[in-house]
Amino acid sequence: QVQLVESGGGLVQAGGSLRLSCAASRRTFSFYIMGWFRQAPGKEREFVAAFKWRGGITYYAEAGKGRFPISTAKAKNTVYLQMNSLTPVDTDVYYCAAQYYSRGNYYYKGDYTYWGQGPRVTVSS
């Protein structure tokens, strides 16, 4: 059973930064892709960023492009989401996700099988 354990959520002021970590119970490079999603109460879970291990390709949603770089530490089986220039709009629960093989759409939550517990990020104004 694959486990994704997240850390790094919390409270930050607008303009500040946070880094989320996602540690996998198995070697992260054995996954085809790992991603980050976020979800606000009553809303759909939406794509933030993803990292495809083959080729080291990164993908970003428009909201996070340039602000939320995704990175990895292969030796630690960990994927990070560095969140910069945060605004109250970024207040959400953030989820790490992983998938072993391509299902076609890196931005679609249904294409990921494994999920973290979702730490909450709160940005105060």
Protein backbone atom coordinates (compact mmCIF):
# COMPACT_ATOMS: atom_id res chain seq x y z
CA GLN A 1 0.00 0.00 0.00
CA VAL A 2 1.41 3.36 -1.01
CA GLN A 3 1.28 6.15 1.52
CA LEU A 4 1.82 9.83 0.86
CA VAL A 5 2.54 11.84 4.00
CA GLU A 6 2.32 15.58 3.73
CA SER A 7 3.69 18.30 5.95
CA GLY A 8 4.26 22.04 5.93
CA GLY A 9 0.77 23.52 6.04
CA GLY A 10 -0.20 26.28 8.43
CA LEU A 11 -0.98 29.95 8.81
CA VAL A 12 0.91 32.64 6.93
CA GLN A 13 0.38 36.31 6.20
CA ALA A 14 -0.36 37.57 2.73
CA GLY A 15 2.84 37.94 0.74
CA GLY A 16 4.54 35.19 2.69
CA SER A 17 5.74 31.74 1.69
CA LEU A 18 5.23 28.14 2.72
CA ARG A 19 6.73 24.90 1.51
CA LEU A 20 4.67 21.75 1.44
CA SER A 21 6.37 18.36 1.48
CA CYS A 22 5.02 15.01 0.35
CA ALA A 23 6.98 11.95 1.42
CA ALA A 24 6.13 8.69 -0.31
CA SER A 25 6.41 5.28 1.30
CA ARG A 26 7.91 4.00 -1.94
CA ARG A 27 10.53 5.38 -4.29
CA THR A 28 9.04 8.47 -5.85
CA PHE A 29 10.72 7.86 -9.19
CA SER A 30 8.75 4.63 -9.49
CA PHE A 31 5.71 6.81 -10.05
CA TYR A 32 4.84 8.06 -13.49
CA ILE A 33 3.66 11.39 -12.13
CA MET A 34 3.12 13.21 -8.84
CA GLY A 35 0.97 16.26 -8.42
CA TRP A 36 -0.48 18.82 -6.08
CA PHE A 37 -4.15 19.76 -5.91
CA ARG A 38 -6.10 22.08 -3.66
CA GLN A 39 -9.68 22.26 -2.53
CA ALA A 40 -11.80 24.90 -0.84
CA PRO A 41 -15.00 24.01 1.08
CA GLY A 42 -17.84 23.29 -1.30
CA LYS A 43 -15.63 23.47 -4.38
CA GLU A 44 -14.03 20.97 -6.70
CA ARG A 45 -10.50 19.80 -6.08
CA GLU A 46 -8.36 21.68 -8.57
CA PHE A 47 -4.98 21.10 -10.10
CA VAL A 48 -1.99 23.14 -8.92
CA ALA A 49 1.20 21.53 -10.26
CA ALA A 50 2.64 18.18 -11.32
CA PHE A 51 5.99 16.53 -11.94
CA LYS A 52 6.44 13.76 -14.49
CA TRP A 53 9.45 11.65 -13.59
CA ARG A 54 10.24 10.56 -17.12
CA GLY A 55 11.93 13.59 -18.57
CA GLY A 56 11.56 15.68 -15.42
CA ILE A 57 8.68 17.66 -16.92
CA THR A 58 6.70 20.07 -14.76
CA TYR A 59 3.14 21.28 -15.29
CA TYR A 60 1.39 24.22 -13.66
CA ALA A 61 -2.06 25.67 -13.40
CA GLU A 62 -2.26 29.34 -14.32
CA ALA A 63 -2.89 30.39 -10.72
CA GLY A 64 0.38 28.91 -9.54
CA LYS A 65 2.59 29.43 -12.55
CA GLY A 66 5.68 31.34 -11.48
CA ARG A 67 4.65 31.34 -7.80
CA PHE A 68 4.42 27.64 -6.84
CA PRO A 69 7.42 25.75 -8.21
CA ILE A 70 7.31 21.99 -7.76
CA SER A 71 10.54 20.16 -7.00
CA THR A 72 11.77 16.77 -5.87
CA ALA A 73 14.33 15.11 -3.65
CA LYS A 74 14.74 11.63 -5.05
CA ALA A 75 16.92 10.41 -2.19
CA LYS A 76 14.22 11.39 0.28
CA ASN A 77 11.31 10.08 -1.81
CA THR A 78 9.83 13.53 -1.45
CA VAL A 79 8.09 16.06 -3.65
CA TYR A 80 7.80 19.70 -2.62
CA LEU A 81 5.52 22.58 -3.45
CA GLN A 82 7.11 25.93 -2.71
CA MET A 83 4.35 28.52 -2.39
CA ASN A 84 5.42 32.16 -2.73
CA SER A 85 3.60 35.50 -2.75
CA LEU A 86 0.61 33.93 -1.08
CA THR A 87 -2.74 35.70 -1.00
CA PRO A 88 -5.94 34.91 0.91
CA VAL A 89 -7.28 33.37 -2.31
CA ASP A 90 -4.71 30.60 -1.86
CA THR A 91 -6.34 29.49 1.39
CA ASP A 92 -7.26 25.84 0.78
CA VAL A 93 -6.55 22.28 1.75
CA TYR A 94 -3.64 21.07 -0.37
CA TYR A 95 -3.33 17.44 -1.47
CA CYS A 96 -0.39 15.51 -2.82
CA ALA A 97 -1.24 12.86 -5.40
CA ALA A 98 0.59 10.13 -7.30
CA GLN A 99 0.02 7.70 -10.12
CA TYR A 100 2.14 4.83 -11.44
CA TYR A 101 1.16 5.06 -15.09
CA SER A 102 -0.20 7.58 -17.51
CA ARG A 103 -3.97 7.93 -17.63
CA GLY A 104 -3.90 10.84 -20.01
CA ASN A 105 -4.55 14.03 -18.06
CA TYR A 106 -2.09 15.33 -15.49
CA TYR A 107 -4.55 18.04 -14.41
CA TYR A 108 -7.50 15.73 -13.72
CA LYS A 109 -7.90 14.48 -10.15
CA GLY A 110 -9.55 11.28 -11.35
CA ASP A 111 -6.30 10.21 -13.03
CA TYR A 112 -4.49 9.89 -9.70
CA THR A 113 -4.83 6.85 -7.47
CA TYR A 114 -2.88 7.77 -4.35
CA TRP A 115 -3.52 10.80 -2.16
CA GLY A 116 -2.07 12.47 0.89
CA GLN A 117 -4.10 13.60 3.87
CA GLY A 118 -4.29 17.24 2.85
CA PRO A 119 -2.72 19.85 5.13
CA ARG A 120 -4.57 23.13 5.38
CA VAL A 121 -2.97 26.37 4.26
CA THR A 122 -4.47 29.59 5.61
CA VAL A 123 -3.35 32.97 4.31
CA SER A 124 -4.38 35.97 6.38
CA SER A 125 -4.78 39.44 4.93
